[in-house]
Amino acid sequence: MAVDAVVFDLDGVIVDSEPVWEEVRRAYVAAHGGTWQPDTQHRLMGMSTGEWADHLSGELGVDRSPGQVATEVVEEMTRRYVEHVPLIDDADRVVRRLAARWPLGLASSSPTRLIAAALAATDLTDAFGVTLSTEETARGKPAPDVYLAVAERLGVDPARCVAVEDSSNGVRSAAAAGMRVVAVPHGSYPLDPDAEALAAVVLPTVDALTPEVVDRLG
């Protein structure tokens, strides 16, 4: 089956933001009476803004409402992005290379305003036909909602899409949507065995993602 579109995740694939998210949320939890757990970052990866704000306010014991948590953490992330957006390897060139062949979508757990800031800073805004945050879907990753919605907006069958993901929850989300998944795990956050088994191919770095790799998944 031919590939009709490629859908990228943002955090951990195009921008190396997972360590920044961890640093910002760790500091926020510590500053507001909460307790960061050993598995917290792993659990938060892929959650929508509402989901992780609920988690910090509830399970981690932060003394702020979920709405306050979301607003204040995203404000700090936006400030960090204004200073520096950490582009991964040659991710911008990889995106451009694939955009020359296929329509591209972006399915991200980042808030809409952070997606816009990251794409503007990396000069990739025009590369994507559709960008969508899990803020705008009923459920975050690992549910398939955001990938299904991006495919629908691109006007393509999810089964004819290739997704590019780094996290276990992201891989689970794209696979549940019926997409073939290219996994590019972050060195600090390896994939769970079940998620790795769902990936059609696992690459060591995003710059190994060539049109030929995508074609082989068709």
N, C-alpha and C. Protein backbone atom coordinates (compact mmCIF):
# COMPACT_ATOMS: atom_id res chain seq x y z
N MET A 1 0.85 -1.20 0.00
CA MET A 1 0.00 0.00 0.00
C MET A 1 0.88 1.25 0.00
N ALA A 2 0.55 2.18 -0.87
CA ALA A 2 1.37 3.39 -0.99
C ALA A 2 1.22 4.28 0.25
N VAL A 3 2.21 5.11 0.46
CA VAL A 3 2.17 6.10 1.54
C VAL A 3 1.61 7.41 0.98
N ASP A 4 0.54 7.91 1.59
CA ASP A 4 -0.10 9.14 1.12
C ASP A 4 0.28 10.37 1.93
N ALA A 5 0.79 10.18 3.15
CA ALA A 5 1.17 11.31 4.00
C ALA A 5 2.10 10.83 5.11
N VAL A 6 2.87 11.77 5.65
CA VAL A 6 3.75 11.49 6.80
C VAL A 6 3.35 12.44 7.92
N VAL A 7 3.17 11.87 9.12
CA VAL A 7 2.74 12.67 10.27
C VAL A 7 3.82 12.62 11.35
N PHE A 8 4.34 13.77 11.70
CA PHE A 8 5.41 13.88 12.68
C PHE A 8 4.86 14.22 14.06
N ASP A 9 5.50 13.67 15.07
CA ASP A 9 5.41 14.22 16.42
C ASP A 9 6.37 15.41 16.47
N LEU A 10 6.25 16.25 17.47
CA LEU A 10 7.13 17.42 17.61
C LEU A 10 8.19 17.21 18.69
N ASP A 11 7.73 17.03 19.93
CA ASP A 11 8.66 16.92 21.06
C ASP A 11 9.42 15.60 20.99
N GLY A 12 10.74 15.69 20.96
CA GLY A 12 11.56 14.49 20.93
C GLY A 12 11.89 14.01 19.53
N VAL A 13 11.19 14.54 18.52
CA VAL A 13 11.47 14.18 17.12
C VAL A 13 12.09 15.36 16.37
N ILE A 14 11.44 16.52 16.46
CA ILE A 14 11.95 17.71 15.77
C ILE A 14 12.68 18.63 16.75
N VAL A 15 12.13 18.81 17.93
CA VAL A 15 12.82 19.61 18.95
C VAL A 15 13.10 18.75 20.18
N ASP A 16 14.27 18.95 20.76
CA ASP A 16 14.69 18.15 21.92
C ASP A 16 14.14 18.78 23.19
N SER A 17 12.81 18.76 23.27
CA SER A 17 12.14 19.50 24.33
C SER A 17 11.79 18.65 25.55
N GLU A 18 11.86 17.31 25.43
CA GLU A 18 11.49 16.49 26.58
C GLU A 18 12.35 16.82 27.82
N PRO A 19 13.67 16.97 27.68
CA PRO A 19 14.45 17.36 28.87
C PRO A 19 14.05 18.73 29.42
N VAL A 20 13.65 19.65 28.53
CA VAL A 20 13.21 20.98 28.99
C VAL A 20 11.88 20.86 29.74
N TRP A 21 10.94 20.08 29.17
CA TRP A 21 9.68 19.83 29.87
C TRP A 21 9.94 19.23 31.26
N GLU A 22 10.84 18.25 31.31
CA GLU A 22 11.12 17.61 32.60
C GLU A 22 11.69 18.61 33.60
N GLU A 23 12.64 19.42 33.15
CA GLU A 23 13.27 20.40 34.04
C GLU A 23 12.24 21.41 34.56
N VAL A 24 11.40 21.91 33.64
CA VAL A 24 10.41 22.93 34.02
C VAL A 24 9.36 22.34 34.96
N ARG A 25 8.85 21.16 34.65
CA ARG A 25 7.79 20.59 35.50
C ARG A 25 8.34 20.10 36.83
N ARG A 26 9.56 19.55 36.83
CA ARG A 26 10.20 19.16 38.10
C ARG A 26 10.31 20.36 39.03
N ALA A 27 10.83 21.47 38.50
CA ALA A 27 11.02 22.68 39.31
C ALA A 27 9.67 23.20 39.79
N TYR A 28 8.67 23.13 38.94
CA TYR A 28 7.34 23.62 39.30
C TYR A 28 6.74 22.78 40.43
N VAL A 29 6.86 21.46 40.31
CA VAL A 29 6.35 20.57 41.36
C VAL A 29 7.04 20.85 42.69
N ALA A 30 8.36 21.01 42.64
CA ALA A 30 9.12 21.27 43.86
C ALA A 30 8.73 22.61 44.48
N ALA A 31 8.46 23.60 43.64
CA ALA A 31 8.15 24.95 44.13
C ALA A 31 6.73 25.05 44.70
N HIS A 32 5.88 24.06 44.37
CA HIS A 32 4.48 24.16 44.78
C HIS A 32 4.04 22.97 45.61
N GLY A 33 4.96 22.44 46.42
CA GLY A 33 4.59 21.48 47.46
C GLY A 33 4.31 20.06 46.98
N GLY A 34 4.66 19.76 45.73
CA GLY A 34 4.41 18.42 45.22
C GLY A 34 5.61 17.52 45.37
N THR A 35 5.46 16.27 44.96
CA THR A 35 6.55 15.29 45.03
C THR A 35 6.69 14.60 43.68
N TRP A 36 7.83 14.82 43.04
CA TRP A 36 8.14 14.19 41.75
C TRP A 36 8.50 12.73 42.00
N GLN A 37 7.89 11.82 41.23
CA GLN A 37 8.13 10.39 41.38
C GLN A 37 9.14 9.88 40.35
N PRO A 38 9.79 8.75 40.60
CA PRO A 38 10.79 8.24 39.66
C PRO A 38 10.23 7.99 38.25
N ASP A 39 8.95 7.64 38.15
CA ASP A 39 8.38 7.34 36.83
C ASP A 39 7.56 8.49 36.26
N THR A 40 7.62 9.67 36.90
CA THR A 40 6.73 10.76 36.49
C THR A 40 6.96 11.19 35.05
N GLN A 41 8.21 11.48 34.65
CA GLN A 41 8.45 11.97 33.30
C GLN A 41 7.98 10.95 32.26
N HIS A 42 8.26 9.68 32.52
CA HIS A 42 7.87 8.63 31.59
C HIS A 42 6.34 8.61 31.43
N ARG A 43 5.64 8.79 32.53
CA ARG A 43 4.17 8.76 32.49
C ARG A 43 3.60 10.00 31.79
N LEU A 44 4.26 11.14 31.96
CA LEU A 44 3.74 12.38 31.40
C LEU A 44 3.91 12.48 29.89
N MET A 45 4.90 11.77 29.34
CA MET A 45 5.20 11.89 27.91
C MET A 45 3.99 11.43 27.09
N GLY A 46 3.47 12.34 26.26
CA GLY A 46 2.32 12.02 25.43
C GLY A 46 1.00 12.52 25.99
N MET A 47 0.95 12.82 27.29
CA MET A 47 -0.29 13.34 27.86
C MET A 47 -0.62 14.70 27.27
N SER A 48 -1.93 14.98 27.15
CA SER A 48 -2.36 16.31 26.74
C SER A 48 -2.13 17.29 27.89
N THR A 49 -2.24 18.58 27.59
CA THR A 49 -2.04 19.61 28.62
C THR A 49 -2.96 19.39 29.81
N GLY A 50 -4.24 19.15 29.54
CA GLY A 50 -5.19 18.93 30.63
C GLY A 50 -4.86 17.71 31.45
N GLU A 51 -4.39 16.65 30.79
CA GLU A 51 -4.07 15.41 31.50
C GLU A 51 -2.87 15.58 32.42
N TRP A 52 -1.78 16.20 31.91
CA TRP A 52 -0.63 16.32 32.80
C TRP A 52 -0.84 17.38 33.89
N ALA A 53 -1.64 18.40 33.59
CA ALA A 53 -1.96 19.39 34.63
C ALA A 53 -2.76 18.74 35.75
N ASP A 54 -3.72 17.88 35.39
CA ASP A 54 -4.48 17.13 36.39
C ASP A 54 -3.56 16.24 37.22
N HIS A 55 -2.59 15.61 36.55
CA HIS A 55 -1.68 14.69 37.23
C HIS A 55 -0.81 15.44 38.25
N LEU A 56 -0.28 16.60 37.86
CA LEU A 56 0.55 17.38 38.78
C LEU A 56 -0.27 17.88 39.96
N SER A 57 -1.48 18.34 39.68
CA SER A 57 -2.34 18.89 40.73
C SER A 57 -2.89 17.80 41.64
N GLY A 58 -3.12 16.61 41.06
CA GLY A 58 -3.72 15.52 41.83
C GLY A 58 -2.68 14.58 42.40
N GLU A 59 -2.20 13.64 41.58
CA GLU A 59 -1.30 12.59 42.06
C GLU A 59 0.00 13.11 42.66
N LEU A 60 0.54 14.21 42.12
CA LEU A 60 1.83 14.70 42.63
C LEU A 60 1.68 15.72 43.75
N GLY A 61 0.45 16.14 44.03
CA GLY A 61 0.19 16.96 45.21
C GLY A 61 0.56 18.42 45.09
N VAL A 62 0.61 18.96 43.87
CA VAL A 62 0.91 20.38 43.70
C VAL A 62 -0.26 21.21 44.24
N ASP A 63 0.06 22.29 44.95
CA ASP A 63 -0.98 23.08 45.62
C ASP A 63 -1.56 24.17 44.71
N ARG A 64 -1.82 23.82 43.47
CA ARG A 64 -2.42 24.73 42.51
C ARG A 64 -3.50 23.96 41.74
N SER A 65 -4.47 24.69 41.20
CA SER A 65 -5.52 24.03 40.42
C SER A 65 -4.93 23.57 39.08
N PRO A 66 -5.55 22.59 38.43
CA PRO A 66 -5.05 22.17 37.12
C PRO A 66 -4.95 23.32 36.12
N GLY A 67 -5.91 24.23 36.16
CA GLY A 67 -5.86 25.38 35.25
C GLY A 67 -4.65 26.26 35.51
N GLN A 68 -4.36 26.49 36.80
CA GLN A 68 -3.17 27.29 37.15
C GLN A 68 -1.89 26.56 36.74
N VAL A 69 -1.85 25.26 36.98
CA VAL A 69 -0.67 24.45 36.61
C VAL A 69 -0.40 24.59 35.12
N ALA A 70 -1.44 24.37 34.31
CA ALA A 70 -1.26 24.42 32.86
C ALA A 70 -0.78 25.79 32.41
N THR A 71 -1.43 26.83 32.89
CA THR A 71 -1.07 28.19 32.47
C THR A 71 0.36 28.53 32.85
N GLU A 72 0.73 28.25 34.09
CA GLU A 72 2.05 28.67 34.59
C GLU A 72 3.19 27.85 33.99
N VAL A 73 2.98 26.54 33.81
CA VAL A 73 4.03 25.72 33.19
C VAL A 73 4.21 26.10 31.72
N VAL A 74 3.11 26.29 31.01
CA VAL A 74 3.22 26.64 29.58
C VAL A 74 3.84 28.04 29.42
N GLU A 75 3.55 28.95 30.34
CA GLU A 75 4.20 30.27 30.28
C GLU A 75 5.72 30.14 30.41
N GLU A 76 6.17 29.27 31.30
CA GLU A 76 7.61 29.07 31.47
C GLU A 76 8.21 28.39 30.25
N MET A 77 7.51 27.41 29.68
CA MET A 77 8.01 26.76 28.46
C MET A 77 8.09 27.76 27.30
N THR A 78 7.10 28.63 27.19
CA THR A 78 7.11 29.64 26.13
C THR A 78 8.30 30.57 26.31
N ARG A 79 8.57 30.96 27.55
CA ARG A 79 9.73 31.81 27.82
C ARG A 79 11.03 31.13 27.41
N ARG A 80 11.14 29.83 27.72
CA ARG A 80 12.33 29.07 27.32
C ARG A 80 12.48 29.03 25.80
N TYR A 81 11.35 28.83 25.11
CA TYR A 81 11.39 28.74 23.64
C TYR A 81 11.80 30.07 23.01
N VAL A 82 11.39 31.17 23.62
CA VAL A 82 11.81 32.48 23.11
C VAL A 82 13.33 32.61 23.18
N GLU A 83 13.90 32.07 24.25
CA GLU A 83 15.36 32.11 24.41
C GLU A 83 16.06 31.15 23.46
N HIS A 84 15.50 29.93 23.34
CA HIS A 84 16.17 28.90 22.54
C HIS A 84 15.26 27.71 22.31
N VAL A 85 15.07 27.34 21.04
CA VAL A 85 14.35 26.11 20.71
C VAL A 85 15.40 25.07 20.29
N PRO A 86 15.53 23.98 21.06
CA PRO A 86 16.60 23.00 20.79
C PRO A 86 16.25 22.05 19.65
N LEU A 87 16.62 22.42 18.43
CA LEU A 87 16.37 21.58 17.26
C LEU A 87 17.20 20.31 17.33
N ILE A 88 16.59 19.17 17.02
CA ILE A 88 17.30 17.88 17.05
C ILE A 88 18.03 17.65 15.74
N ASP A 89 19.33 17.34 15.85
CA ASP A 89 20.15 16.93 14.70
C ASP A 89 19.83 17.81 13.48
N ASP A 90 19.49 17.18 12.36
CA ASP A 90 19.11 17.90 11.15
C ASP A 90 17.61 17.73 10.90
N ALA A 91 16.82 17.79 11.96
CA ALA A 91 15.39 17.51 11.83
C ALA A 91 14.71 18.45 10.84
N ASP A 92 15.13 19.71 10.79
CA ASP A 92 14.51 20.64 9.84
C ASP A 92 14.75 20.19 8.40
N ARG A 93 15.97 19.72 8.12
CA ARG A 93 16.27 19.24 6.76
C ARG A 93 15.50 17.96 6.44
N VAL A 94 15.35 17.09 7.45
CA VAL A 94 14.59 15.85 7.27
C VAL A 94 13.14 16.19 6.90
N VAL A 95 12.54 17.13 7.64
CA VAL A 95 11.17 17.55 7.38
C VAL A 95 11.04 18.09 5.96
N ARG A 96 11.97 18.97 5.57
CA ARG A 96 11.91 19.56 4.23
C ARG A 96 12.05 18.49 3.14
N ARG A 97 12.93 17.52 3.39
CA ARG A 97 13.18 16.45 2.42
C ARG A 97 11.91 15.63 2.19
N LEU A 98 11.21 15.33 3.29
CA LEU A 98 9.98 14.55 3.16
C LEU A 98 8.82 15.40 2.62
N ALA A 99 8.82 16.68 2.94
CA ALA A 99 7.75 17.57 2.45
C ALA A 99 7.79 17.73 0.94
N ALA A 100 8.95 17.48 0.35
CA ALA A 100 9.06 17.55 -1.11
C ALA A 100 8.37 16.37 -1.79
N ARG A 101 8.08 15.32 -1.02
CA ARG A 101 7.47 14.11 -1.57
C ARG A 101 6.05 13.86 -1.11
N TRP A 102 5.74 14.19 0.14
CA TRP A 102 4.43 13.85 0.72
C TRP A 102 3.83 15.04 1.46
N PRO A 103 2.49 15.09 1.55
CA PRO A 103 1.87 16.03 2.48
C PRO A 103 2.28 15.66 3.92
N LEU A 104 2.54 16.65 4.74
CA LEU A 104 2.96 16.40 6.12
C LEU A 104 1.92 16.91 7.11
N GLY A 105 1.77 16.16 8.20
CA GLY A 105 0.97 16.59 9.33
C GLY A 105 1.82 16.60 10.58
N LEU A 106 1.34 17.29 11.61
CA LEU A 106 2.02 17.33 12.90
C LEU A 106 1.00 16.99 13.98
N ALA A 107 1.29 15.95 14.77
CA ALA A 107 0.39 15.50 15.83
C ALA A 107 1.16 15.59 17.15
N SER A 108 0.88 16.63 17.92
CA SER A 108 1.73 16.95 19.07
C SER A 108 0.94 17.02 20.38
N SER A 109 1.61 16.64 21.46
CA SER A 109 1.04 16.81 22.79
C SER A 109 1.31 18.20 23.35
N SER A 110 2.13 18.99 22.66
CA SER A 110 2.39 20.35 23.12
C SER A 110 1.15 21.23 22.94
N PRO A 111 1.00 22.24 23.78
CA PRO A 111 -0.08 23.20 23.58
C PRO A 111 0.07 23.91 22.23
N THR A 112 -1.05 24.36 21.69
CA THR A 112 -1.05 24.99 20.37
C THR A 112 -0.06 26.14 20.29
N ARG A 113 0.02 26.97 21.34
CA ARG A 113 0.91 28.14 21.28
C ARG A 113 2.37 27.73 21.26
N LEU A 114 2.71 26.60 21.91
CA LEU A 114 4.10 26.13 21.87
C LEU A 114 4.44 25.51 20.52
N ILE A 115 3.48 24.82 19.91
CA ILE A 115 3.70 24.29 18.57
C ILE A 115 4.02 25.45 17.62
N ALA A 116 3.22 26.49 17.68
CA ALA A 116 3.44 27.64 16.80
C ALA A 116 4.80 28.28 17.04
N ALA A 117 5.19 28.40 18.31
CA ALA A 117 6.49 29.00 18.64
C ALA A 117 7.64 28.14 18.13
N ALA A 118 7.52 26.83 18.30
CA ALA A 118 8.60 25.93 17.87
C ALA A 118 8.74 25.92 16.36
N LEU A 119 7.63 25.87 15.64
CA LEU A 119 7.70 25.84 14.18
C LEU A 119 8.20 27.17 13.62
N ALA A 120 7.81 28.27 14.24
CA ALA A 120 8.30 29.57 13.79
C ALA A 120 9.81 29.69 14.01
N ALA A 121 10.27 29.22 15.17
CA ALA A 121 11.70 29.32 15.50
C ALA A 121 12.57 28.43 14.61
N THR A 122 12.00 27.32 14.14
CA THR A 122 12.76 26.40 13.29
C THR A 122 12.45 26.61 11.81
N ASP A 123 11.64 27.62 11.50
CA ASP A 123 11.28 27.97 10.12
C ASP A 123 10.61 26.82 9.38
N LEU A 124 9.73 26.11 10.10
CA LEU A 124 9.06 24.95 9.51
C LEU A 124 7.54 25.12 9.42
N THR A 125 7.04 26.31 9.72
CA THR A 125 5.59 26.50 9.76
C THR A 125 4.92 26.08 8.46
N ASP A 126 5.52 26.46 7.33
CA ASP A 126 4.88 26.19 6.04
C ASP A 126 5.08 24.76 5.55
N ALA A 127 5.86 23.95 6.27
CA ALA A 127 6.13 22.58 5.82
C ALA A 127 4.96 21.64 6.10
N PHE A 128 4.09 22.02 7.04
CA PHE A 128 3.02 21.14 7.47
C PHE A 128 1.66 21.63 6.98
N GLY A 129 0.92 20.72 6.34
CA GLY A 129 -0.41 21.06 5.88
C GLY A 129 -1.40 21.13 7.02
N VAL A 130 -1.18 20.33 8.05
CA VAL A 130 -2.05 20.27 9.23
C VAL A 130 -1.18 20.17 10.48
N THR A 131 -1.46 20.99 11.47
CA THR A 131 -0.83 20.84 12.79
C THR A 131 -1.95 20.77 13.82
N LEU A 132 -1.79 19.85 14.77
CA LEU A 132 -2.85 19.66 15.76
C LEU A 132 -2.25 19.31 17.11
N SER A 133 -2.78 19.96 18.14
CA SER A 133 -2.41 19.67 19.52
C SER A 133 -3.44 18.76 20.16
N THR A 134 -2.99 17.90 21.07
CA THR A 134 -3.95 17.07 21.82
C THR A 134 -4.83 17.93 22.73
N GLU A 135 -4.51 19.22 22.88
CA GLU A 135 -5.44 20.14 23.55
C GLU A 135 -6.81 20.14 22.85
N GLU A 136 -6.78 19.86 21.55
CA GLU A 136 -7.99 19.95 20.73
C GLU A 136 -8.67 18.60 20.50
N THR A 137 -8.18 17.56 21.16
CA THR A 137 -8.80 16.24 21.01
C THR A 137 -9.31 15.77 22.38
N ALA A 138 -10.17 14.78 22.36
CA ALA A 138 -10.77 14.31 23.61
C ALA A 138 -9.73 13.68 24.53
N ARG A 139 -8.80 12.94 23.92
CA ARG A 139 -7.79 12.23 24.72
C ARG A 139 -6.41 12.46 24.14
N GLY A 140 -5.41 12.47 25.02
CA GLY A 140 -4.03 12.56 24.57
C GLY A 140 -3.49 11.18 24.20
N LYS A 141 -2.24 11.15 23.82
CA LYS A 141 -1.57 9.88 23.55
C LYS A 141 -1.43 9.11 24.87
N PRO A 142 -1.61 7.78 24.91
CA PRO A 142 -1.55 6.81 23.82
C PRO A 142 -2.85 6.58 23.06
N ALA A 143 -3.93 7.30 23.37
CA ALA A 143 -5.14 7.17 22.56
C ALA A 143 -4.84 7.66 21.14
N PRO A 144 -5.54 7.14 20.13
CA PRO A 144 -5.21 7.48 18.74
C PRO A 144 -5.82 8.79 18.25
N ASP A 145 -6.56 9.50 19.11
CA ASP A 145 -7.38 10.63 18.67
C ASP A 145 -6.64 11.64 17.79
N VAL A 146 -5.47 12.08 18.22
CA VAL A 146 -4.79 13.16 17.50
C VAL A 146 -4.32 12.69 16.13
N TYR A 147 -3.85 11.45 16.03
CA TYR A 147 -3.42 10.94 14.72
C TYR A 147 -4.60 10.74 13.79
N LEU A 148 -5.71 10.25 14.31
CA LEU A 148 -6.90 10.09 13.48
C LEU A 148 -7.40 11.45 12.98
N ALA A 149 -7.37 12.45 13.85
CA ALA A 149 -7.84 13.79 13.47
C ALA A 149 -6.93 14.42 12.42
N VAL A 150 -5.63 14.24 12.55
CA VAL A 150 -4.70 14.80 11.56
C VAL A 150 -4.92 14.14 10.20
N ALA A 151 -5.06 12.82 10.18
CA ALA A 151 -5.31 12.12 8.92
C ALA A 151 -6.61 12.61 8.27
N GLU A 152 -7.63 12.79 9.09
CA GLU A 152 -8.91 13.27 8.56
C GLU A 152 -8.76 14.65 7.95
N ARG A 153 -8.03 15.53 8.63
CA ARG A 153 -7.85 16.90 8.11
C ARG A 153 -6.97 16.93 6.87
N LEU A 154 -6.05 15.96 6.76
CA LEU A 154 -5.23 15.86 5.55
C LEU A 154 -6.01 15.21 4.40
N GLY A 155 -7.14 14.57 4.74
CA GLY A 155 -7.94 13.89 3.73
C GLY A 155 -7.35 12.57 3.28
N VAL A 156 -6.66 11.87 4.19
CA VAL A 156 -6.02 10.60 3.84
C VAL A 156 -6.45 9.50 4.82
N ASP A 157 -6.34 8.27 4.36
CA ASP A 157 -6.62 7.10 5.18
C ASP A 157 -5.47 6.92 6.17
N PRO A 158 -5.75 6.80 7.48
CA PRO A 158 -4.64 6.59 8.43
C PRO A 158 -3.76 5.39 8.07
N ALA A 159 -4.35 4.36 7.48
CA ALA A 159 -3.58 3.17 7.11
C ALA A 159 -2.59 3.45 5.99
N ARG A 160 -2.73 4.60 5.33
CA ARG A 160 -1.80 4.99 4.26
C ARG A 160 -0.87 6.10 4.73
N CYS A 161 -0.75 6.25 6.05
CA CYS A 161 0.14 7.25 6.64
C CYS A 161 1.30 6.58 7.36
N VAL A 162 2.42 7.26 7.37
CA VAL A 162 3.57 6.89 8.20
C VAL A 162 3.70 7.94 9.29
N ALA A 163 3.82 7.49 10.54
CA ALA A 163 4.00 8.39 11.68
C ALA A 163 5.43 8.31 12.17
N VAL A 164 5.95 9.43 12.67
CA VAL A 164 7.31 9.49 13.19
C VAL A 164 7.23 9.89 14.66
N GLU A 165 7.65 9.00 15.54
CA GLU A 165 7.46 9.17 16.98
C GLU A 165 8.73 8.82 17.75
N ASP A 166 8.84 9.36 18.97
CA ASP A 166 9.98 9.04 19.82
C ASP A 166 9.58 8.31 21.10
N SER A 167 8.39 8.55 21.63
CA SER A 167 8.02 8.04 22.94
C SER A 167 7.15 6.80 22.84
N SER A 168 7.12 6.04 23.92
CA SER A 168 6.28 4.83 23.95
C SER A 168 4.81 5.17 23.75
N ASN A 169 4.31 6.19 24.45
CA ASN A 169 2.91 6.57 24.30
C ASN A 169 2.62 7.10 22.91
N GLY A 170 3.57 7.79 22.32
CA GLY A 170 3.39 8.28 20.96
C GLY A 170 3.31 7.14 19.95
N VAL A 171 4.19 6.16 20.09
CA VAL A 171 4.17 5.00 19.21
C VAL A 171 2.84 4.25 19.36
N ARG A 172 2.41 4.07 20.60
CA ARG A 172 1.13 3.40 20.84
C ARG A 172 -0.03 4.16 20.20
N SER A 173 0.00 5.47 20.28
CA SER A 173 -1.05 6.31 19.72
C SER A 173 -1.14 6.16 18.21
N ALA A 174 -0.01 6.30 17.53
CA ALA A 174 0.00 6.22 16.07
C ALA A 174 -0.36 4.82 15.59
N ALA A 175 0.14 3.80 16.29
CA ALA A 175 -0.18 2.42 15.91
C ALA A 175 -1.66 2.14 16.10
N ALA A 176 -2.25 2.67 17.18
CA ALA A 176 -3.67 2.47 17.43
C ALA A 176 -4.52 3.15 16.36
N ALA A 177 -3.98 4.20 15.74
CA ALA A 177 -4.69 4.87 14.64
C ALA A 177 -4.57 4.11 13.33
N GLY A 178 -3.75 3.05 13.33
CA GLY A 178 -3.58 2.25 12.13
C GLY A 178 -2.43 2.67 11.24
N MET A 179 -1.59 3.58 11.73
CA MET A 179 -0.46 4.05 10.93
C MET A 179 0.75 3.14 11.10
N ARG A 180 1.61 3.15 10.09
CA ARG A 180 2.91 2.49 10.22
C ARG A 180 3.85 3.48 10.92
N VAL A 181 4.55 3.01 11.92
CA VAL A 181 5.29 3.92 12.80
C VAL A 181 6.80 3.77 12.63
N VAL A 182 7.45 4.90 12.39
CA VAL A 182 8.90 4.99 12.47
C VAL A 182 9.23 5.53 13.86
N ALA A 183 9.93 4.75 14.65
CA ALA A 183 10.30 5.18 16.00
C ALA A 183 11.74 5.68 16.00
N VAL A 184 11.93 6.83 16.63
CA VAL A 184 13.27 7.40 16.80
C VAL A 184 13.42 7.71 18.29
N PRO A 185 13.73 6.68 19.11
CA PRO A 185 13.72 6.88 20.56
C PRO A 185 14.76 7.90 21.03
N HIS A 186 14.38 8.67 22.04
CA HIS A 186 15.31 9.61 22.67
C HIS A 186 16.27 8.82 23.55
N GLY A 187 17.53 9.18 23.53
CA GLY A 187 18.54 8.45 24.30
C GLY A 187 18.24 8.38 25.78
N SER A 188 17.58 9.41 26.32
CA SER A 188 17.28 9.44 27.75
C SER A 188 15.98 8.76 28.11
N TYR A 189 15.15 8.48 27.10
CA TYR A 189 13.82 7.91 27.34
C TYR A 189 13.57 6.74 26.39
N PRO A 190 14.18 5.58 26.65
CA PRO A 190 14.03 4.44 25.73
C PRO A 190 12.59 3.94 25.67
N LEU A 191 12.29 3.26 24.57
CA LEU A 191 10.94 2.72 24.39
C LEU A 191 10.70 1.52 25.29
N ASP A 192 9.46 1.39 25.75
CA ASP A 192 9.04 0.16 26.42
C ASP A 192 9.00 -0.96 25.38
N PRO A 193 9.25 -2.21 25.80
CA PRO A 193 9.28 -3.32 24.84
C PRO A 193 8.01 -3.45 24.01
N ASP A 194 6.85 -3.25 24.61
CA ASP A 194 5.61 -3.39 23.84
C ASP A 194 5.49 -2.31 22.77
N ALA A 195 5.95 -1.10 23.09
CA ALA A 195 5.90 -0.01 22.11
C ALA A 195 6.89 -0.26 20.98
N GLU A 196 8.09 -0.71 21.34
CA GLU A 196 9.09 -1.01 20.30
C GLU A 196 8.56 -2.06 19.33
N ALA A 197 7.82 -3.03 19.86
CA ALA A 197 7.27 -4.09 19.01
C ALA A 197 6.21 -3.57 18.05
N LEU A 198 5.59 -2.44 18.36
CA LEU A 198 4.57 -1.85 17.49
C LEU A 198 5.17 -1.06 16.33
N ALA A 199 6.44 -0.67 16.45
CA ALA A 199 7.07 0.15 15.41
C ALA A 199 7.44 -0.70 14.20
N ALA A 200 7.21 -0.15 13.02
CA ALA A 200 7.60 -0.84 11.79
C ALA A 200 9.10 -0.80 11.60
N VAL A 201 9.71 0.29 12.06
CA VAL A 201 11.17 0.43 11.98
C VAL A 201 11.61 1.33 13.13
N VAL A 202 12.78 1.04 13.68
CA VAL A 202 13.37 1.86 14.73
C VAL A 202 14.68 2.44 14.20
N LEU A 203 14.81 3.76 14.23
CA LEU A 203 16.00 4.43 13.71
C LEU A 203 16.82 5.00 14.87
N PRO A 204 18.14 5.06 14.70
CA PRO A 204 18.98 5.60 15.78
C PRO A 204 18.88 7.11 15.92
N THR A 205 18.67 7.81 14.80
CA THR A 205 18.57 9.28 14.81
C THR A 205 17.57 9.70 13.74
N VAL A 206 17.03 10.90 13.89
CA VAL A 206 16.02 11.36 12.93
C VAL A 206 16.63 11.60 11.56
N ASP A 207 17.93 11.93 11.50
CA ASP A 207 18.50 12.17 10.17
C ASP A 207 18.67 10.89 9.36
N ALA A 208 18.40 9.74 9.98
CA ALA A 208 18.37 8.48 9.22
C ALA A 208 17.03 8.28 8.50
N LEU A 209 16.09 9.19 8.75
CA LEU A 209 14.77 9.09 8.11
C LEU A 209 14.85 9.71 6.72
N THR A 210 14.94 8.86 5.72
CA THR A 210 15.03 9.29 4.33
C THR A 210 13.74 8.93 3.59
N PRO A 211 13.52 9.52 2.42
CA PRO A 211 12.36 9.11 1.61
C PRO A 211 12.38 7.61 1.31
N GLU A 212 13.57 7.03 1.19
CA GLU A 212 13.67 5.60 0.90
C GLU A 212 13.11 4.77 2.06
N VAL A 213 13.37 5.20 3.29
CA VAL A 213 12.83 4.50 4.46
C VAL A 213 11.31 4.53 4.42
N VAL A 214 10.75 5.69 4.11
CA VAL A 214 9.29 5.83 4.03
C VAL A 214 8.74 4.96 2.90
N ASP A 215 9.39 5.00 1.75
CA ASP A 215 8.93 4.21 0.60
C ASP A 215 8.86 2.72 0.95
N ARG A 216 9.84 2.24 1.71
CA ARG A 216 9.87 0.81 2.06
C ARG A 216 8.70 0.39 2.94
N LEU A 217 8.08 1.37 3.59
CA LEU A 217 6.93 1.07 4.46
C LEU A 217 5.62 1.06 3.67
N GLY A 218 5.68 1.43 2.38
CA GLY A 218 4.49 1.48 1.54
C GLY A 218 4.07 0.09 1.08
